[in-house]
Amino acid sequence: MKVQEVKYVSDYTISIKFDDGVSGTIQLNDLVEKGIFKVLQDKATFAKVYTNGYSVAWSDELEIDATAIYLVITGKHFGEINNPKLSNATN
């Protein structure tokens, strides 16, 4: 899955749309309180969110993997979206 679009909504909230039709909004209030993401406490900086298709980013060094956001929006677990179908070989 790839991110088609990401937009700043307000405060620390973004909307995101994926290429499989899944879309939603996510609040990142907790994220901006931690480590390198503290620079995003500046709302003007946070509003500069963009996507490269595989992540939601604010710079080359400051990004979140799109899969992590997809899981939050859908409420699914990683195995549910990335589980290859296995079958037994027969002689």
PDB file of N, CA and C in Angstrom:
ATOM      1  N   MET A   1       0.830  -1.164   0.000  1.00  0.00           N
ATOM      2  CA  MET A   1       0.000   0.000   0.000  1.00  0.00           C
ATOM      3  C   MET A   1       0.886   1.243   0.000  1.00  0.00           C
ATOM      4  N   LYS A   2       0.433   2.237  -0.715  1.00  0.00           N
ATOM      5  CA  LYS A   2       1.172   3.502  -0.794  1.00  0.00           C
ATOM      6  C   LYS A   2       0.262   4.646  -0.385  1.00  0.00           C
ATOM      7  N   VAL A   3       0.872   5.681   0.136  1.00  0.00           N
ATOM      8  CA  VAL A   3       0.127   6.885   0.483  1.00  0.00           C
ATOM      9  C   VAL A   3      -0.090   7.697  -0.790  1.00  0.00           C
ATOM     10  N   GLN A   4      -1.327   8.035  -1.060  1.00  0.00           N
ATOM     11  CA  GLN A   4      -1.634   8.885  -2.207  1.00  0.00           C
ATOM     12  C   GLN A   4      -1.609  10.349  -1.823  1.00  0.00           C
ATOM     13  N   GLU A   5      -2.068  10.632  -0.595  1.00  0.00           N
ATOM     14  CA  GLU A   5      -2.209  12.025  -0.201  1.00  0.00           C
ATOM     15  C   GLU A   5      -2.131  12.146   1.319  1.00  0.00           C
ATOM     16  N   VAL A   6      -1.479  13.186   1.778  1.00  0.00           N
ATOM     17  CA  VAL A   6      -1.475  13.519   3.198  1.00  0.00           C
ATOM     18  C   VAL A   6      -1.654  15.027   3.311  1.00  0.00           C
ATOM     19  N   LYS A   7      -2.517  15.429   4.247  1.00  0.00           N
ATOM     20  CA  LYS A   7      -2.801  16.852   4.424  1.00  0.00           C
ATOM     21  C   LYS A   7      -2.806  17.201   5.902  1.00  0.00           C
ATOM     22  N   TYR A   8      -2.324  18.379   6.192  1.00  0.00           N
ATOM     23  CA  TYR A   8      -2.424  18.943   7.534  1.00  0.00           C
ATOM     24  C   TYR A   8      -3.873  19.339   7.763  1.00  0.00           C
ATOM     25  N   VAL A   9      -4.429  18.950   8.907  1.00  0.00           N
ATOM     26  CA  VAL A   9      -5.812  19.303   9.230  1.00  0.00           C
ATOM     27  C   VAL A   9      -5.821  20.457  10.226  1.00  0.00           C
ATOM     28  N   SER A  10      -5.264  20.227  11.410  1.00  0.00           N
ATOM     29  CA  SER A  10      -5.163  21.252  12.442  1.00  0.00           C
ATOM     30  C   SER A  10      -4.316  20.717  13.589  1.00  0.00           C
ATOM     31  N   ASP A  11      -3.813  21.632  14.387  1.00  0.00           N
ATOM     32  CA  ASP A  11      -2.975  21.258  15.535  1.00  0.00           C
ATOM     33  C   ASP A  11      -2.000  20.145  15.132  1.00  0.00           C
ATOM     34  N   TYR A  12      -2.140  18.957  15.690  1.00  0.00           N
ATOM     35  CA  TYR A  12      -1.242  17.844  15.367  1.00  0.00           C
ATOM     36  C   TYR A  12      -2.019  16.702  14.710  1.00  0.00           C
ATOM     37  N   THR A  13      -2.929  17.078  13.830  1.00  0.00           N
ATOM     38  CA  THR A  13      -3.777  16.108  13.138  1.00  0.00           C
ATOM     39  C   THR A  13      -3.529  16.186  11.640  1.00  0.00           C
ATOM     40  N   ILE A  14      -3.432  15.004  11.012  1.00  0.00           N
ATOM     41  CA  ILE A  14      -3.286  14.921   9.562  1.00  0.00           C
ATOM     42  C   ILE A  14      -4.364  13.999   9.007  1.00  0.00           C
ATOM     43  N   SER A  15      -4.721  14.211   7.748  1.00  0.00           N
ATOM     44  CA  SER A  15      -5.581  13.260   7.042  1.00  0.00           C
ATOM     45  C   SER A  15      -4.693  12.547   6.031  1.00  0.00           C
ATOM     46  N   ILE A  16      -5.028  11.309   5.783  1.00  0.00           N
ATOM     47  CA  ILE A  16      -4.198  10.494   4.900  1.00  0.00           C
ATOM     48  C   ILE A  16      -5.089   9.604   4.052  1.00  0.00           C
ATOM     49  N   LYS A  17      -4.666   9.400   2.800  1.00  0.00           N
ATOM     50  CA  LYS A  17      -5.405   8.549   1.872  1.00  0.00           C
ATOM     51  C   LYS A  17      -4.412   7.574   1.245  1.00  0.00           C
ATOM     52  N   PHE A  18      -4.792   6.297   1.264  1.00  0.00           N
ATOM     53  CA  PHE A  18      -3.949   5.247   0.691  1.00  0.00           C
ATOM     54  C   PHE A  18      -4.478   4.802  -0.664  1.00  0.00           C
ATOM     55  N   ASP A  19      -3.623   4.161  -1.446  1.00  0.00           N
ATOM     56  CA  ASP A  19      -4.004   3.763  -2.800  1.00  0.00           C
ATOM     57  C   ASP A  19      -5.033   2.637  -2.853  1.00  0.00           C
ATOM     58  N   ASP A  20      -5.318   1.986  -1.715  1.00  0.00           N
ATOM     59  CA  ASP A  20      -6.340   0.932  -1.701  1.00  0.00           C
ATOM     60  C   ASP A  20      -7.704   1.463  -1.266  1.00  0.00           C
ATOM     61  N   GLY A  21      -7.815   2.797  -1.135  1.00  0.00           N
ATOM     62  CA  GLY A  21      -9.079   3.418  -0.770  1.00  0.00           C
ATOM     63  C   GLY A  21      -9.232   3.711   0.711  1.00  0.00           C
ATOM     64  N   VAL A  22      -8.377   3.163   1.550  1.00  0.00           N
ATOM     65  CA  VAL A  22      -8.437   3.451   2.985  1.00  0.00           C
ATOM     66  C   VAL A  22      -8.016   4.898   3.209  1.00  0.00           C
ATOM     67  N   SER A  23      -8.773   5.592   4.050  1.00  0.00           N
ATOM     68  CA  SER A  23      -8.420   6.964   4.392  1.00  0.00           C
ATOM     69  C   SER A  23      -8.897   7.257   5.800  1.00  0.00           C
ATOM     70  N   GLY A  24      -8.339   8.279   6.394  1.00  0.00           N
ATOM     71  CA  GLY A  24      -8.750   8.661   7.731  1.00  0.00           C
ATOM     72  C   GLY A  24      -7.888   9.786   8.257  1.00  0.00           C
ATOM     73  N   THR A  25      -8.157  10.152   9.492  1.00  0.00           N
ATOM     74  CA  THR A  25      -7.347  11.169  10.150  1.00  0.00           C
ATOM     75  C   THR A  25      -6.667  10.539  11.357  1.00  0.00           C
ATOM     76  N   ILE A  26      -5.541  11.101  11.713  1.00  0.00           N
ATOM     77  CA  ILE A  26      -4.790  10.595  12.846  1.00  0.00           C
ATOM     78  C   ILE A  26      -4.212  11.773  13.617  1.00  0.00           C
ATOM     79  N   GLN A  27      -4.326  11.702  14.928  1.00  0.00           N
ATOM     80  CA  GLN A  27      -3.761  12.725  15.798  1.00  0.00           C
ATOM     81  C   GLN A  27      -2.394  12.257  16.272  1.00  0.00           C
ATOM     82  N   LEU A  28      -1.409  13.128  16.162  1.00  0.00           N
ATOM     83  CA  LEU A  28      -0.036  12.781  16.516  1.00  0.00           C
ATOM     84  C   LEU A  28       0.469  13.584  17.721  1.00  0.00           C
ATOM     85  N   ASN A  29      -0.457  13.956  18.609  1.00  0.00           N
ATOM     86  CA  ASN A  29      -0.099  14.730  19.798  1.00  0.00           C
ATOM     87  C   ASN A  29       0.998  14.049  20.612  1.00  0.00           C
ATOM     88  N   ASP A  30       0.890  12.752  20.832  1.00  0.00           N
ATOM     89  CA  ASP A  30       1.881  12.022  21.624  1.00  0.00           C
ATOM     90  C   ASP A  30       3.236  11.992  20.931  1.00  0.00           C
ATOM     91  N   LEU A  31       3.215  11.873  19.620  1.00  0.00           N
ATOM     92  CA  LEU A  31       4.459  11.789  18.849  1.00  0.00           C
ATOM     93  C   LEU A  31       5.323  13.033  19.023  1.00  0.00           C
ATOM     94  N   VAL A  32       4.717  14.202  19.003  1.00  0.00           N
ATOM     95  CA  VAL A  32       5.494  15.444  19.060  1.00  0.00           C
ATOM     96  C   VAL A  32       6.093  15.696  20.439  1.00  0.00           C
ATOM     97  N   GLU A  33       5.817  14.826  21.382  1.00  0.00           N
ATOM     98  CA  GLU A  33       6.386  14.941  22.724  1.00  0.00           C
ATOM     99  C   GLU A  33       7.660  14.110  22.877  1.00  0.00           C
ATOM    100  N   LYS A  34       8.071  13.384  21.832  1.00  0.00           N
ATOM    101  CA  LYS A  34       9.150  12.400  21.958  1.00  0.00           C
ATOM    102  C   LYS A  34      10.317  12.668  21.015  1.00  0.00           C
ATOM    103  N   GLY A  35      11.515  12.527  21.547  1.00  0.00           N
ATOM    104  CA  GLY A  35      12.756  12.500  20.778  1.00  0.00           C
ATOM    105  C   GLY A  35      12.860  13.527  19.673  1.00  0.00           C
ATOM    106  N   ILE A  36      13.259  13.047  18.500  1.00  0.00           N
ATOM    107  CA  ILE A  36      13.497  13.954  17.377  1.00  0.00           C
ATOM    108  C   ILE A  36      12.222  14.616  16.878  1.00  0.00           C
ATOM    109  N   PHE A  37      11.071  14.062  17.234  1.00  0.00           N
ATOM    110  CA  PHE A  37       9.806  14.622  16.782  1.00  0.00           C
ATOM    111  C   PHE A  37       9.403  15.872  17.551  1.00  0.00           C
ATOM    112  N   LYS A  38      10.127  16.228  18.601  1.00  0.00           N
ATOM    113  CA  LYS A  38       9.803  17.426  19.378  1.00  0.00           C
ATOM    114  C   LYS A  38       9.851  18.696  18.529  1.00  0.00           C
ATOM    115  N   VAL A  39      10.628  18.692  17.458  1.00  0.00           N
ATOM    116  CA  VAL A  39      10.677  19.875  16.581  1.00  0.00           C
ATOM    117  C   VAL A  39       9.319  20.146  15.948  1.00  0.00           C
ATOM    118  N   LEU A  40       8.457  19.130  15.906  1.00  0.00           N
ATOM    119  CA  LEU A  40       7.133  19.287  15.313  1.00  0.00           C
ATOM    120  C   LEU A  40       6.146  19.968  16.259  1.00  0.00           C
ATOM    121  N   GLN A  41       6.580  20.290  17.462  1.00  0.00           N
ATOM    122  CA  GLN A  41       5.722  21.060  18.359  1.00  0.00           C
ATOM    123  C   GLN A  41       5.442  22.437  17.769  1.00  0.00           C
ATOM    124  N   ASP A  42       6.339  22.897  16.909  1.00  0.00           N
ATOM    125  CA  ASP A  42       6.088  24.125  16.162  1.00  0.00           C
ATOM    126  C   ASP A  42       5.060  23.786  15.077  1.00  0.00           C
ATOM    127  N   LYS A  43       3.855  24.326  15.215  1.00  0.00           N
ATOM    128  CA  LYS A  43       2.760  23.946  14.317  1.00  0.00           C
ATOM    129  C   LYS A  43       3.018  24.328  12.861  1.00  0.00           C
ATOM    130  N   ALA A  44       3.781  25.373  12.633  1.00  0.00           N
ATOM    131  CA  ALA A  44       4.127  25.750  11.257  1.00  0.00           C
ATOM    132  C   ALA A  44       4.992  24.664  10.622  1.00  0.00           C
ATOM    133  N   THR A  45       5.887  24.085  11.404  1.00  0.00           N
ATOM    134  CA  THR A  45       6.724  22.983  10.914  1.00  0.00           C
ATOM    135  C   THR A  45       5.876  21.742  10.704  1.00  0.00           C
ATOM    136  N   PHE A  46       5.007  21.439  11.661  1.00  0.00           N
ATOM    137  CA  PHE A  46       4.137  20.265  11.551  1.00  0.00           C
ATOM    138  C   PHE A  46       3.261  20.350  10.296  1.00  0.00           C
ATOM    139  N   ALA A  47       2.797  21.544   9.970  1.00  0.00           N
ATOM    140  CA  ALA A  47       1.903  21.740   8.829  1.00  0.00           C
ATOM    141  C   ALA A  47       2.585  21.457   7.483  1.00  0.00           C
ATOM    142  N   LYS A  48       3.895  21.338   7.466  1.00  0.00           N
ATOM    143  CA  LYS A  48       4.638  21.087   6.219  1.00  0.00           C
ATOM    144  C   LYS A  48       4.727  19.596   5.889  1.00  0.00           C
ATOM    145  N   VAL A  49       3.831  18.806   6.417  1.00  0.00           N
ATOM    146  CA  VAL A  49       3.814  17.364   6.197  1.00  0.00           C
ATOM    147  C   VAL A  49       3.665  17.047   4.707  1.00  0.00           C
ATOM    148  N   TYR A  50       4.321  15.976   4.267  1.00  0.00           N
ATOM    149  CA  TYR A  50       4.226  15.517   2.883  1.00  0.00           C
ATOM    150  C   TYR A  50       4.427  14.009   2.850  1.00  0.00           C
ATOM    151  N   THR A  51       4.298  13.420   1.688  1.00  0.00           N
ATOM    152  CA  THR A  51       4.533  11.992   1.537  1.00  0.00           C
ATOM    153  C   THR A  51       5.439  11.719   0.345  1.00  0.00           C
ATOM    154  N   ASN A  52       6.200  10.643   0.464  1.00  0.00           N
ATOM    155  CA  ASN A  52       6.975  10.143  -0.669  1.00  0.00           C
ATOM    156  C   ASN A  52       6.348   8.842  -1.180  1.00  0.00           C
ATOM    157  N   GLY A  53       5.154   8.538  -0.669  1.00  0.00           N
ATOM    158  CA  GLY A  53       4.443   7.325  -1.058  1.00  0.00           C
ATOM    159  C   GLY A  53       4.571   6.216  -0.033  1.00  0.00           C
ATOM    160  N   TYR A  54       5.715   6.128   0.610  1.00  0.00           N
ATOM    161  CA  TYR A  54       5.975   5.045   1.558  1.00  0.00           C
ATOM    162  C   TYR A  54       6.066   5.520   3.003  1.00  0.00           C
ATOM    163  N   SER A  55       6.048   6.823   3.185  1.00  0.00           N
ATOM    164  CA  SER A  55       6.089   7.374   4.534  1.00  0.00           C
ATOM    165  C   SER A  55       5.404   8.728   4.555  1.00  0.00           C
ATOM    166  N   VAL A  56       5.110   9.160   5.778  1.00  0.00           N
ATOM    167  CA  VAL A  56       4.629  10.516   6.019  1.00  0.00           C
ATOM    168  C   VAL A  56       5.825  11.238   6.603  1.00  0.00           C
ATOM    169  N   ALA A  57       6.171  12.390   6.035  1.00  0.00           N
ATOM    170  CA  ALA A  57       7.447  13.011   6.391  1.00  0.00           C
ATOM    171  C   ALA A  57       7.335  14.517   6.566  1.00  0.00           C
ATOM    172  N   TRP A  58       8.347  15.021   7.254  1.00  0.00           N
ATOM    173  CA  TRP A  58       8.521  16.465   7.413  1.00  0.00           C
ATOM    174  C   TRP A  58       9.902  16.881   6.920  1.00  0.00           C
ATOM    175  N   SER A  59      10.788  15.904   6.757  1.00  0.00           N
ATOM    176  CA  SER A  59      12.120  16.093   6.179  1.00  0.00           C
ATOM    177  C   SER A  59      12.663  14.709   5.834  1.00  0.00           C
ATOM    178  N   ASP A  60      13.850  14.656   5.254  1.00  0.00           N
ATOM    179  CA  ASP A  60      14.457  13.362   4.932  1.00  0.00           C
ATOM    180  C   ASP A  60      14.774  12.548   6.181  1.00  0.00           C
ATOM    181  N   GLU A  61      14.972  13.225   7.301  1.00  0.00           N
ATOM    182  CA  GLU A  61      15.334  12.548   8.544  1.00  0.00           C
ATOM    183  C   GLU A  61      14.146  12.335   9.476  1.00  0.00           C
ATOM    184  N   LEU A  62      13.027  12.949   9.183  1.00  0.00           N
ATOM    185  CA  LEU A  62      11.889  12.949  10.094  1.00  0.00           C
ATOM    186  C   LEU A  62      10.665  12.398   9.381  1.00  0.00           C
ATOM    187  N   GLU A  63      10.433  11.084   9.559  1.00  0.00           N
ATOM    188  CA  GLU A  63       9.330  10.450   8.859  1.00  0.00           C
ATOM    189  C   GLU A  63       8.754   9.284   9.657  1.00  0.00           C
ATOM    190  N   ILE A  64       7.528   8.910   9.304  1.00  0.00           N
ATOM    191  CA  ILE A  64       6.850   7.775   9.902  1.00  0.00           C
ATOM    192  C   ILE A  64       6.488   6.824   8.769  1.00  0.00           C
ATOM    193  N   ASP A  65       6.755   5.549   8.966  1.00  0.00           N
ATOM    194  CA  ASP A  65       6.427   4.551   7.964  1.00  0.00           C
ATOM    195  C   ASP A  65       4.915   4.526   7.730  1.00  0.00           C
ATOM    196  N   ALA A  66       4.511   4.495   6.483  1.00  0.00           N
ATOM    197  CA  ALA A  66       3.092   4.512   6.134  1.00  0.00           C
ATOM    198  C   ALA A  66       2.348   3.303   6.694  1.00  0.00           C
ATOM    199  N   THR A  67       3.009   2.170   6.791  1.00  0.00           N
ATOM    200  CA  THR A  67       2.368   0.971   7.323  1.00  0.00           C
ATOM    201  C   THR A  67       1.910   1.182   8.760  1.00  0.00           C
ATOM    202  N   ALA A  68       2.731   1.847   9.557  1.00  0.00           N
ATOM    203  CA  ALA A  68       2.371   2.102  10.954  1.00  0.00           C
ATOM    204  C   ALA A  68       1.090   2.926  11.033  1.00  0.00           C
ATOM    205  N   ILE A  69       0.968   3.930  10.189  1.00  0.00           N
ATOM    206  CA  ILE A  69      -0.235   4.764  10.190  1.00  0.00           C
ATOM    207  C   ILE A  69      -1.433   3.969   9.664  1.00  0.00           C
ATOM    208  N   TYR A  70      -1.217   3.163   8.649  1.00  0.00           N
ATOM    209  CA  TYR A  70      -2.277   2.319   8.091  1.00  0.00           C
ATOM    210  C   TYR A  70      -2.854   1.406   9.159  1.00  0.00           C
ATOM    211  N   LEU A  71      -1.994   0.819   9.968  1.00  0.00           N
ATOM    212  CA  LEU A  71      -2.445  -0.081  11.028  1.00  0.00           C
ATOM    213  C   LEU A  71      -3.292   0.653  12.062  1.00  0.00           C
ATOM    214  N   VAL A  72      -2.888   1.866  12.419  1.00  0.00           N
ATOM    215  CA  VAL A  72      -3.661   2.652  13.383  1.00  0.00           C
ATOM    216  C   VAL A  72      -5.036   2.995  12.806  1.00  0.00           C
ATOM    217  N   ILE A  73      -5.075   3.441  11.573  1.00  0.00           N
ATOM    218  CA  ILE A  73      -6.340   3.860  10.961  1.00  0.00           C
ATOM    219  C   ILE A  73      -7.293   2.676  10.783  1.00  0.00           C
ATOM    220  N   THR A  74      -6.767   1.537  10.370  1.00  0.00           N
ATOM    221  CA  THR A  74      -7.630   0.380  10.104  1.00  0.00           C
ATOM    222  C   THR A  74      -7.889  -0.469  11.343  1.00  0.00           C
ATOM    223  N   GLY A  75      -7.056  -0.331  12.372  1.00  0.00           N
ATOM    224  CA  GLY A  75      -7.190  -1.169  13.564  1.00  0.00           C
ATOM    225  C   GLY A  75      -6.711  -2.592  13.342  1.00  0.00           C
ATOM    226  N   LYS A  76      -5.965  -2.803  12.264  1.00  0.00           N
ATOM    227  CA  LYS A  76      -5.468  -4.147  11.956  1.00  0.00           C
ATOM    228  C   LYS A  76      -4.083  -4.359  12.557  1.00  0.00           C
ATOM    229  N   HIS A  77      -3.662  -5.619  12.542  1.00  0.00           N
ATOM    230  CA  HIS A  77      -2.312  -5.987  12.958  1.00  0.00           C
ATOM    231  C   HIS A  77      -1.483  -6.244  11.710  1.00  0.00           C
ATOM    232  N   PHE A  78      -0.164  -6.151  11.839  1.00  0.00           N
ATOM    233  CA  PHE A  78       0.724  -6.289  10.689  1.00  0.00           C
ATOM    234  C   PHE A  78       0.468  -7.583   9.920  1.00  0.00           C
ATOM    235  N   GLY A  79       0.278  -8.688  10.628  1.00  0.00           N
ATOM    236  CA  GLY A  79       0.046  -9.972   9.969  1.00  0.00           C
ATOM    237  C   GLY A  79      -1.207 -10.007   9.126  1.00  0.00           C
ATOM    238  N   GLU A  80      -2.169  -9.173   9.448  1.00  0.00           N
ATOM    239  CA  GLU A  80      -3.411  -9.139   8.680  1.00  0.00           C
ATOM    240  C   GLU A  80      -3.238  -8.471   7.322  1.00  0.00           C
ATOM    241  N   ILE A  81      -2.271  -7.580   7.207  1.00  0.00           N
ATOM    242  CA  ILE A  81      -2.081  -6.888   5.930  1.00  0.00           C
ATOM    243  C   ILE A  81      -0.881  -7.416   5.155  1.00  0.00           C
ATOM    244  N   ASN A  82      -0.031  -8.163   5.822  1.00  0.00           N
ATOM    245  CA  ASN A  82       1.182  -8.669   5.168  1.00  0.00           C
ATOM    246  C   ASN A  82       1.350 -10.143   5.488  1.00  0.00           C
ATOM    247  N   ASN A  83       0.370 -10.943   5.105  1.00  0.00           N
ATOM    248  CA  ASN A  83       0.394 -12.367   5.403  1.00  0.00           C
ATOM    249  C   ASN A  83       0.331 -13.151   4.105  1.00  0.00           C
ATOM    250  N   PRO A  84       1.464 -13.656   3.637  1.00  0.00           N
ATOM    251  CA  PRO A  84       1.444 -14.384   2.372  1.00  0.00           C
ATOM    252  C   PRO A  84       0.634 -15.674   2.513  1.00  0.00           C
ATOM    253  N   LYS A  85      -0.030 -16.048   1.444  1.00  0.00           N
ATOM    254  CA  LYS A  85      -0.780 -17.307   1.418  1.00  0.00           C
ATOM    255  C   LYS A  85       0.209 -18.449   1.186  1.00  0.00           C
ATOM    256  N   LEU A  86       0.246 -19.371   2.121  1.00  0.00           N
ATOM    257  CA  LEU A  86       1.144 -20.522   2.016  1.00  0.00           C
ATOM    258  C   LEU A  86       0.317 -21.771   1.726  1.00  0.00           C
ATOM    259  N   SER A  87       0.889 -22.659   0.952  1.00  0.00           N
ATOM    260  CA  SER A  87       0.204 -23.917   0.694  1.00  0.00           C
ATOM    261  C   SER A  87       1.217 -25.042   0.727  1.00  0.00           C
ATOM    262  N   ASN A  88       0.738 -26.227   0.976  1.00  0.00           N
ATOM    263  CA  ASN A  88       1.605 -27.404   1.027  1.00  0.00           C
ATOM    264  C   ASN A  88       1.855 -27.934  -0.380  1.00  0.00           C
ATOM    265  N   ALA A  89       3.089 -28.314  -0.617  1.00  0.00           N
ATOM    266  CA  ALA A  89       3.418 -28.935  -1.896  1.00  0.00           C
ATOM    267  C   ALA A  89       2.972 -30.397  -1.852  1.00  0.00           C
ATOM    268  N   THR A  90       2.490 -30.889  -2.975  1.00  0.00           N
ATOM    269  CA  THR A  90       2.077 -32.293  -3.035  1.00  0.00           C
ATOM    270  C   THR A  90       2.942 -33.006  -4.046  1.00  0.00           C
ATOM    271  N   ASN A  91       3.123 -34.290  -3.824  1.00  0.00           N
ATOM    272  CA  ASN A  91       3.937 -35.112  -4.744  1.00  0.00           C
ATOM    273  C   ASN A  91       3.112 -35.629  -5.876  1.00  0.00           C
TER     274      ASN A  91
END
